[in-house]
PDB file of N, CA and C in Angstrom:
ATOM      1  N   MET A   1       0.711  -1.236   0.328  1.00  0.00           N
ATOM      2  CA  MET A   1       0.292   0.148   0.339  1.00  0.00           C
ATOM      3  C   MET A   1       0.725   1.314  -0.282  1.00  0.00           C
ATOM      4  N   ASP A   2       0.556   2.064  -0.913  1.00  0.00           N
ATOM      5  CA  ASP A   2       1.799   3.361  -0.384  1.00  0.00           C
ATOM      6  C   ASP A   2       1.024   4.237   0.049  1.00  0.00           C
ATOM      7  N   GLU A   3       1.934   5.349   0.186  1.00  0.00           N
ATOM      8  CA  GLU A   3       1.604   6.327   1.183  1.00  0.00           C
ATOM      9  C   GLU A   3      -0.056   6.899   1.354  1.00  0.00           C
ATOM     10  N   ILE A   4      -0.281   7.278   0.028  1.00  0.00           N
ATOM     11  CA  ILE A   4      -1.418   8.176   0.054  1.00  0.00           C
ATOM     12  C   ILE A   4      -2.615   7.521   0.313  1.00  0.00           C
ATOM     13  N   THR A   5      -2.821   6.068  -0.117  1.00  0.00           N
ATOM     14  CA  THR A   5      -3.649   4.965  -0.206  1.00  0.00           C
ATOM     15  C   THR A   5      -3.847   4.971   1.505  1.00  0.00           C
ATOM     16  N   GLU A   6      -2.473   4.746   2.136  1.00  0.00           N
ATOM     17  CA  GLU A   6      -2.660   4.465   3.718  1.00  0.00           C
ATOM     18  C   GLU A   6      -3.324   5.412   4.182  1.00  0.00           C
ATOM     19  N   GLU A   7      -3.327   7.106   4.157  1.00  0.00           N
ATOM     20  CA  GLU A   7      -3.639   8.102   4.243  1.00  0.00           C
ATOM     21  C   GLU A   7      -5.145   7.820   4.290  1.00  0.00           C
ATOM     22  N   LEU A   8      -5.520   7.739   2.885  1.00  0.00           N
ATOM     23  CA  LEU A   8      -6.977   7.601   2.673  1.00  0.00           C
ATOM     24  C   LEU A   8      -7.269   6.674   3.582  1.00  0.00           C
ATOM     25  N   ALA A   9      -6.931   5.191   3.791  1.00  0.00           N
ATOM     26  CA  ALA A   9      -7.416   4.451   4.650  1.00  0.00           C
ATOM     27  C   ALA A   9      -7.614   4.690   5.807  1.00  0.00           C
ATOM     28  N   ILE A  10      -6.527   5.663   6.603  1.00  0.00           N
ATOM     29  CA  ILE A  10      -7.080   6.275   7.722  1.00  0.00           C
ATOM     30  C   ILE A  10      -7.686   7.535   7.960  1.00  0.00           C
ATOM     31  N   GLN A  11      -7.867   8.410   6.830  1.00  0.00           N
ATOM     32  CA  GLN A  11      -8.746   9.353   7.303  1.00  0.00           C
ATOM     33  C   GLN A  11     -10.441   8.762   7.029  1.00  0.00           C
ATOM     34  N   TYR A  12     -10.571   7.555   6.325  1.00  0.00           N
ATOM     35  CA  TYR A  12     -11.686   7.005   5.897  1.00  0.00           C
ATOM     36  C   TYR A  12     -12.081   6.369   7.436  1.00  0.00           C
ATOM     37  N   ALA A  13     -11.432   5.645   8.043  1.00  0.00           N
ATOM     38  CA  ALA A  13     -11.856   5.295   9.195  1.00  0.00           C
ATOM     39  C   ALA A  13     -12.227   6.133  10.274  1.00  0.00           C
ATOM     40  N   VAL A  14     -11.439   7.505  10.142  1.00  0.00           N
ATOM     41  CA  VAL A  14     -11.657   8.574  10.990  1.00  0.00           C
ATOM     42  C   VAL A  14     -13.197   8.982  10.870  1.00  0.00           C
ATOM     43  N   VAL A  15     -13.093   9.292   9.682  1.00  0.00           N
ATOM     44  CA  VAL A  15     -14.577   9.740   9.276  1.00  0.00           C
ATOM     45  C   VAL A  15     -15.620   9.341   9.275  1.00  0.00           C
ATOM     46  N   ARG A  16     -15.402   7.908   9.088  1.00  0.00           N
ATOM     47  CA  ARG A  16     -16.590   6.725   9.057  1.00  0.00           C
ATOM     48  C   ARG A  16     -16.972   6.992  10.743  1.00  0.00           C
ATOM     49  N   ARG A  17     -15.917   6.677  11.206  1.00  0.00           N
ATOM     50  CA  ARG A  17     -15.994   7.142  13.036  1.00  0.00           C
ATOM     51  C   ARG A  17     -16.541   8.112  13.429  1.00  0.00           C
ATOM     52  N   GLU A  18     -16.723   9.034  12.983  1.00  0.00           N
ATOM     53  CA  GLU A  18     -17.154  10.481  13.566  1.00  0.00           C
ATOM     54  C   GLU A  18     -18.423  10.725  13.000  1.00  0.00           C
ATOM     55  N   PHE A  19     -18.416  10.176  11.309  1.00  0.00           N
ATOM     56  CA  PHE A  19     -19.974  10.626  11.072  1.00  0.00           C
ATOM     57  C   PHE A  19     -20.733   9.568  10.343  1.00  0.00           C
ATOM     58  N   ILE A  20     -21.043   8.676  11.245  1.00  0.00           N
ATOM     59  CA  ILE A  20     -21.639   7.114  11.048  1.00  0.00           C
ATOM     60  C   ILE A  20     -22.570   7.231  10.303  1.00  0.00           C
ATOM     61  N   ARG A  21     -23.490   8.302   9.901  1.00  0.00           N
ATOM     62  CA  ARG A  21     -24.263   8.075   8.995  1.00  0.00           C
ATOM     63  C   ARG A  21     -24.778   9.120   8.090  1.00  0.00           C
ATOM     64  N   ALA A  22     -23.242   8.988   8.169  1.00  0.00           N
ATOM     65  CA  ALA A  22     -23.093  10.048   6.643  1.00  0.00           C
ATOM     66  C   ALA A  22     -22.993   8.997   5.191  1.00  0.00           C
ATOM     67  N   GLY A  23     -23.369   9.863   4.194  1.00  0.00           N
ATOM     68  CA  GLY A  23     -23.442   9.116   2.663  1.00  0.00           C
ATOM     69  C   GLY A  23     -22.108   9.531   2.478  1.00  0.00           C
ATOM     70  N   GLY A  24     -22.128   8.747   1.081  1.00  0.00           N
ATOM     71  CA  GLY A  24     -20.828   8.626  -0.008  1.00  0.00           C
ATOM     72  C   GLY A  24     -20.169  10.074  -0.158  1.00  0.00           C
ATOM     73  N   GLU A  25     -21.000  11.019  -0.469  1.00  0.00           N
ATOM     74  CA  GLU A  25     -20.315  12.098  -1.006  1.00  0.00           C
ATOM     75  C   GLU A  25     -20.219  13.317   0.179  1.00  0.00           C
ATOM     76  N   GLU A  26     -20.529  12.855   1.573  1.00  0.00           N
ATOM     77  CA  GLU A  26     -20.388  13.511   2.600  1.00  0.00           C
ATOM     78  C   GLU A  26     -18.873  13.228   3.116  1.00  0.00           C
ATOM     79  N   ILE A  27     -19.095  11.839   3.136  1.00  0.00           N
ATOM     80  CA  ILE A  27     -17.441  10.983   3.494  1.00  0.00           C
ATOM     81  C   ILE A  27     -16.708  11.350   2.885  1.00  0.00           C
ATOM     82  N   VAL A  28     -16.695  11.855   1.324  1.00  0.00           N
ATOM     83  CA  VAL A  28     -15.787  12.184   0.491  1.00  0.00           C
ATOM     84  C   VAL A  28     -15.344  14.052   0.476  1.00  0.00           C
ATOM     85  N   GLU A  29     -16.304  14.428   0.960  1.00  0.00           N
ATOM     86  CA  GLU A  29     -16.178  15.703   1.190  1.00  0.00           C
ATOM     87  C   GLU A  29     -15.246  16.352   2.633  1.00  0.00           C
ATOM     88  N   ARG A  30     -15.549  15.074   3.614  1.00  0.00           N
ATOM     89  CA  ARG A  30     -14.637  15.093   5.107  1.00  0.00           C
ATOM     90  C   ARG A  30     -13.504  14.900   4.158  1.00  0.00           C
ATOM     91  N   ILE A  31     -13.299  13.673   3.908  1.00  0.00           N
ATOM     92  CA  ILE A  31     -12.209  13.429   3.805  1.00  0.00           C
ATOM     93  C   ILE A  31     -11.156  14.406   3.298  1.00  0.00           C
ATOM     94  N   LEU A  32     -11.472  14.594   2.134  1.00  0.00           N
ATOM     95  CA  LEU A  32     -10.924  16.152   1.141  1.00  0.00           C
ATOM     96  C   LEU A  32     -10.575  17.087   2.543  1.00  0.00           C
ATOM     97  N   ASP A  33     -11.500  17.192   3.108  1.00  0.00           N
ATOM     98  CA  ASP A  33     -11.013  18.471   4.484  1.00  0.00           C
ATOM     99  C   ASP A  33     -10.110  18.397   5.235  1.00  0.00           C
ATOM    100  N   ARG A  34      -9.897  17.097   5.461  1.00  0.00           N
ATOM    101  CA  ARG A  34      -9.047  16.462   6.160  1.00  0.00           C
ATOM    102  C   ARG A  34      -7.387  16.312   5.640  1.00  0.00           C
ATOM    103  N   LEU A  35      -7.334  16.239   4.268  1.00  0.00           N
ATOM    104  CA  LEU A  35      -6.140  16.391   3.612  1.00  0.00           C
ATOM    105  C   LEU A  35      -5.622  17.431   3.267  1.00  0.00           C
ATOM    106  N   ASP A  36      -4.140  17.920   3.288  1.00  0.00           N
ATOM    107  CA  ASP A  36      -3.653  18.944   2.973  1.00  0.00           C
ATOM    108  C   ASP A  36      -3.590  19.410   1.608  1.00  0.00           C
ATOM    109  N   ASP A  37      -3.240  20.408   1.107  1.00  0.00           N
ATOM    110  CA  ASP A  37      -2.958  20.621  -0.390  1.00  0.00           C
ATOM    111  C   ASP A  37      -1.754  19.408  -1.287  1.00  0.00           C
ATOM    112  N   LYS A  38      -1.005  19.186  -0.380  1.00  0.00           N
ATOM    113  CA  LYS A  38       0.091  18.326  -1.005  1.00  0.00           C
ATOM    114  C   LYS A  38      -0.366  17.099  -1.466  1.00  0.00           C
ATOM    115  N   GLN A  39      -1.091  16.404  -0.652  1.00  0.00           N
ATOM    116  CA  GLN A  39      -1.732  15.323  -0.364  1.00  0.00           C
ATOM    117  C   GLN A  39      -3.041  15.439  -1.403  1.00  0.00           C
ATOM    118  N   GLN A  40      -3.693  16.439  -1.622  1.00  0.00           N
ATOM    119  CA  GLN A  40      -5.242  16.393  -2.841  1.00  0.00           C
ATOM    120  C   GLN A  40      -4.113  16.629  -4.085  1.00  0.00           C
ATOM    121  N   LEU A  41      -2.949  17.383  -3.730  1.00  0.00           N
ATOM    122  CA  LEU A  41      -2.221  17.503  -5.460  1.00  0.00           C
ATOM    123  C   LEU A  41      -1.870  15.991  -5.959  1.00  0.00           C
ATOM    124  N   GLU A  42      -1.202  14.967  -4.739  1.00  0.00           N
ATOM    125  CA  GLU A  42      -0.835  13.750  -5.436  1.00  0.00           C
ATOM    126  C   GLU A  42      -2.354  13.182  -5.651  1.00  0.00           C
ATOM    127  N   LEU A  43      -3.268  12.987  -5.281  1.00  0.00           N
ATOM    128  CA  LEU A  43      -4.570  12.453  -5.702  1.00  0.00           C
ATOM    129  C   LEU A  43      -4.836  12.967  -7.045  1.00  0.00           C
ATOM    130  N   ALA A  44      -4.975  14.102  -6.890  1.00  0.00           N
ATOM    131  CA  ALA A  44      -5.174  15.026  -8.563  1.00  0.00           C
ATOM    132  C   ALA A  44      -4.319  14.073  -9.797  1.00  0.00           C
ATOM    133  N   ALA A  45      -3.230  14.175  -8.912  1.00  0.00           N
ATOM    134  CA  ALA A  45      -2.196  13.670 -10.280  1.00  0.00           C
ATOM    135  C   ALA A  45      -2.503  12.281 -10.801  1.00  0.00           C
ATOM    136  N   GLN A  46      -3.177  11.404  -9.611  1.00  0.00           N
ATOM    137  CA  GLN A  46      -3.326  10.124 -10.094  1.00  0.00           C
ATOM    138  C   GLN A  46      -4.876   9.941 -10.694  1.00  0.00           C
ATOM    139  N   ALA A  47      -5.351  10.767 -10.758  1.00  0.00           N
ATOM    140  CA  ALA A  47      -6.847  11.076 -11.126  1.00  0.00           C
ATOM    141  C   ALA A  47      -6.715  11.327 -12.545  1.00  0.00           C
ATOM    142  N   LEU A  48      -5.583  12.423 -13.018  1.00  0.00           N
ATOM    143  CA  LEU A  48      -5.205  12.617 -14.214  1.00  0.00           C
ATOM    144  C   LEU A  48      -5.091  11.458 -15.039  1.00  0.00           C
ATOM    145  N   SER A  49      -4.657  10.512 -14.487  1.00  0.00           N
ATOM    146  CA  SER A  49      -3.928   9.090 -15.242  1.00  0.00           C
ATOM    147  C   SER A  49      -5.509   8.299 -15.609  1.00  0.00           C
ATOM    148  N   TYR A  50      -6.545   8.566 -14.730  1.00  0.00           N
ATOM    149  CA  TYR A  50      -7.563   7.980 -15.625  1.00  0.00           C
ATOM    150  C   TYR A  50      -9.114   8.736 -15.854  1.00  0.00           C
ATOM    151  N   THR A  51      -8.525  10.051 -15.615  1.00  0.00           N
ATOM    152  CA  THR A  51      -9.930  10.947 -16.562  1.00  0.00           C
ATOM    153  C   THR A  51      -9.582  11.733 -17.424  1.00  0.00           C
ATOM    154  N   GLU A  52     -10.548  12.124 -18.187  1.00  0.00           N
ATOM    155  CA  GLU A  52     -10.020  13.147 -19.426  1.00  0.00           C
ATOM    156  C   GLU A  52     -10.893  14.593 -18.837  1.00  0.00           C
ATOM    157  N   GLN A  53     -11.318  15.105 -17.691  1.00  0.00           N
ATOM    158  CA  GLN A  53     -12.205  15.515 -17.356  1.00  0.00           C
ATOM    159  C   GLN A  53     -11.344  16.974 -16.420  1.00  0.00           C
ATOM    160  N   PRO A  54     -11.590  17.890 -17.288  1.00  0.00           N
ATOM    161  CA  PRO A  54     -10.241  18.995 -16.355  1.00  0.00           C
ATOM    162  C   PRO A  54     -10.841  19.593 -15.420  1.00  0.00           C
ATOM    163  N   GLY A  55      -9.719  19.868 -14.819  1.00  0.00           N
ATOM    164  CA  GLY A  55     -10.189  20.319 -13.221  1.00  0.00           C
ATOM    165  C   GLY A  55      -9.619  20.898 -12.448  1.00  0.00           C
ATOM    166  N   GLY A  56      -9.781  21.323 -11.169  1.00  0.00           N
ATOM    167  CA  GLY A  56      -8.637  21.734 -10.421  1.00  0.00           C
ATOM    168  C   GLY A  56      -8.032  20.546  -9.417  1.00  0.00           C
ATOM    169  N   ARG A  57      -7.158  21.270  -8.569  1.00  0.00           N
ATOM    170  CA  ARG A  57      -6.425  20.703  -8.073  1.00  0.00           C
ATOM    171  C   ARG A  57      -7.721  19.724  -7.025  1.00  0.00           C
ATOM    172  N   ARG A  58      -8.609  20.467  -6.325  1.00  0.00           N
ATOM    173  CA  ARG A  58      -9.398  19.838  -5.432  1.00  0.00           C
ATOM    174  C   ARG A  58     -10.422  18.782  -6.207  1.00  0.00           C
ATOM    175  N   GLU A  59     -11.310  19.313  -7.480  1.00  0.00           N
ATOM    176  CA  GLU A  59     -11.894  18.737  -8.367  1.00  0.00           C
ATOM    177  C   GLU A  59     -11.184  16.764  -8.526  1.00  0.00           C
ATOM    178  N   LEU A  60     -10.231  17.275  -8.885  1.00  0.00           N
ATOM    179  CA  LEU A  60      -9.365  16.020  -9.125  1.00  0.00           C
ATOM    180  C   LEU A  60      -9.259  15.193  -8.002  1.00  0.00           C
ATOM    181  N   ALA A  61      -8.999  15.666  -6.897  1.00  0.00           N
ATOM    182  CA  ALA A  61      -8.707  14.870  -5.508  1.00  0.00           C
ATOM    183  C   ALA A  61     -10.203  14.290  -5.270  1.00  0.00           C
ATOM    184  N   ARG A  62     -10.876  15.178  -5.350  1.00  0.00           N
ATOM    185  CA  ARG A  62     -12.523  14.796  -4.900  1.00  0.00           C
ATOM    186  C   ARG A  62     -12.782  13.129  -5.792  1.00  0.00           C
ATOM    187  N   LEU A  63     -12.212  13.469  -6.843  1.00  0.00           N
ATOM    188  CA  LEU A  63     -12.531  12.143  -8.126  1.00  0.00           C
ATOM    189  C   LEU A  63     -12.041  11.053  -7.738  1.00  0.00           C
ATOM    190  N   ALA A  64     -10.591  10.976  -7.003  1.00  0.00           N
ATOM    191  CA  ALA A  64     -10.046  10.183  -6.143  1.00  0.00           C
ATOM    192  C   ALA A  64     -10.352   9.673  -5.103  1.00  0.00           C
ATOM    193  N   VAL A  65     -10.563  10.459  -4.557  1.00  0.00           N
ATOM    194  CA  VAL A  65     -10.990  10.082  -2.853  1.00  0.00           C
ATOM    195  C   VAL A  65     -12.702   9.430  -3.471  1.00  0.00           C
ATOM    196  N   ALA A  66     -13.251   9.910  -4.220  1.00  0.00           N
ATOM    197  CA  ALA A  66     -14.918   9.038  -4.469  1.00  0.00           C
ATOM    198  C   ALA A  66     -14.506   7.545  -5.198  1.00  0.00           C
ATOM    199  N   ASN A  67     -13.572   7.658  -5.693  1.00  0.00           N
ATOM    200  CA  ASN A  67     -13.173   6.076  -6.479  1.00  0.00           C
ATOM    201  C   ASN A  67     -12.516   5.273  -4.927  1.00  0.00           C
ATOM    202  N   PHE A  68     -11.739   5.946  -4.545  1.00  0.00           N
ATOM    203  CA  PHE A  68     -10.923   5.092  -3.165  1.00  0.00           C
ATOM    204  C   PHE A  68     -12.389   4.723  -2.009  1.00  0.00           C
ATOM    205  N   VAL A  69     -13.498   5.544  -1.770  1.00  0.00           N
ATOM    206  CA  VAL A  69     -14.396   5.256  -1.103  1.00  0.00           C
ATOM    207  C   VAL A  69     -15.383   4.299  -1.746  1.00  0.00           C
ATOM    208  N   THR A  70     -15.564   4.534  -2.868  1.00  0.00           N
ATOM    209  CA  THR A  70     -16.524   3.292  -3.555  1.00  0.00           C
ATOM    210  C   THR A  70     -16.043   1.986  -3.499  1.00  0.00           C
ATOM    211  N   ALA A  71     -14.750   2.161  -3.874  1.00  0.00           N
ATOM    212  CA  ALA A  71     -13.843   0.696  -3.872  1.00  0.00           C
ATOM    213  C   ALA A  71     -13.758  -0.017  -2.048  1.00  0.00           C
ATOM    214  N   TRP A  72     -13.415   0.944  -0.832  1.00  0.00           N
ATOM    215  CA  TRP A  72     -13.477   0.470  -0.162  1.00  0.00           C
ATOM    216  C   TRP A  72     -15.223   0.127   0.648  1.00  0.00           C
ATOM    217  N   GLU A  73     -16.128   1.054   0.318  1.00  0.00           N
ATOM    218  CA  GLU A  73     -17.248   0.149   0.741  1.00  0.00           C
ATOM    219  C   GLU A  73     -18.031  -1.287  -0.141  1.00  0.00           C
ATOM    220  N   GLY A  74     -17.508  -0.918  -1.314  1.00  0.00           N
ATOM    221  CA  GLY A  74     -17.602  -1.845  -2.385  1.00  0.00           C
ATOM    222  C   GLY A  74     -19.069  -1.239  -2.987  1.00  0.00           C
ATOM    223  N   ASP A  75     -19.482  -2.230  -3.936  1.00  0.00           N
ATOM    224  CA  ASP A  75     -20.604  -1.458  -4.683  1.00  0.00           C
ATOM    225  C   ASP A  75     -22.018  -2.126  -4.057  1.00  0.00           C
ATOM    226  N   PRO A  76     -22.600  -1.802  -3.537  1.00  0.00           N
ATOM    227  CA  PRO A  76     -24.430  -1.781  -2.691  1.00  0.00           C
ATOM    228  C   PRO A  76     -25.383  -2.621  -3.812  1.00  0.00           C
ATOM    229  N   ASP A  77     -24.675  -2.088  -4.968  1.00  0.00           N
ATOM    230  CA  ASP A  77     -26.104  -3.121  -6.313  1.00  0.00           C
ATOM    231  C   ASP A  77     -25.572  -4.069  -6.651  1.00  0.00           C
ATOM    232  N   ALA A  78     -23.830  -4.443  -6.431  1.00  0.00           N
ATOM    233  CA  ALA A  78     -23.748  -5.861  -6.575  1.00  0.00           C
ATOM    234  C   ALA A  78     -24.049  -6.881  -6.321  1.00  0.00           C
ATOM    235  N   PRO A  79     -24.380  -8.226  -7.212  1.00  0.00           N
ATOM    236  CA  PRO A  79     -24.693  -9.687  -6.059  1.00  0.00           C
ATOM    237  C   PRO A  79     -23.982  -9.880  -5.353  1.00  0.00           C
ATOM    238  N   ASP A  80     -24.449 -10.722  -4.060  1.00  0.00           N
ATOM    239  CA  ASP A  80     -23.933 -11.211  -3.329  1.00  0.00           C
ATOM    240  C   ASP A  80     -22.861 -12.076  -3.675  1.00  0.00           C
ATOM    241  N   PRO A  81     -21.381 -12.464  -3.383  1.00  0.00           N
ATOM    242  CA  PRO A  81     -20.660 -13.929  -3.959  1.00  0.00           C
ATOM    243  C   PRO A  81     -21.474 -14.679  -3.478  1.00  0.00           C
ATOM    244  N   VAL A  82     -20.953 -16.073  -3.917  1.00  0.00           N
ATOM    245  CA  VAL A  82     -21.599 -17.461  -3.992  1.00  0.00           C
ATOM    246  C   VAL A  82     -21.215 -17.908  -3.021  1.00  0.00           C
TER     247      VAL A  82
END
């Protein structure tokens, strides 16, 4: 696990514990608020590798965090494994 992924996992756990009833978008925003500019920039750079959407640092970092949260929580619409 790389450093930024580890930091996202930590921040996800903290936000999930503090905001138990938060929905996905609120979790993403709370995580973003907890990251510093350098961390957001690193996430934005990662997001550029898989999106063609133009955007600023925070918008691209939001996309990366949203992908992380979706992967971490799993797809609620996916069928249960057999």
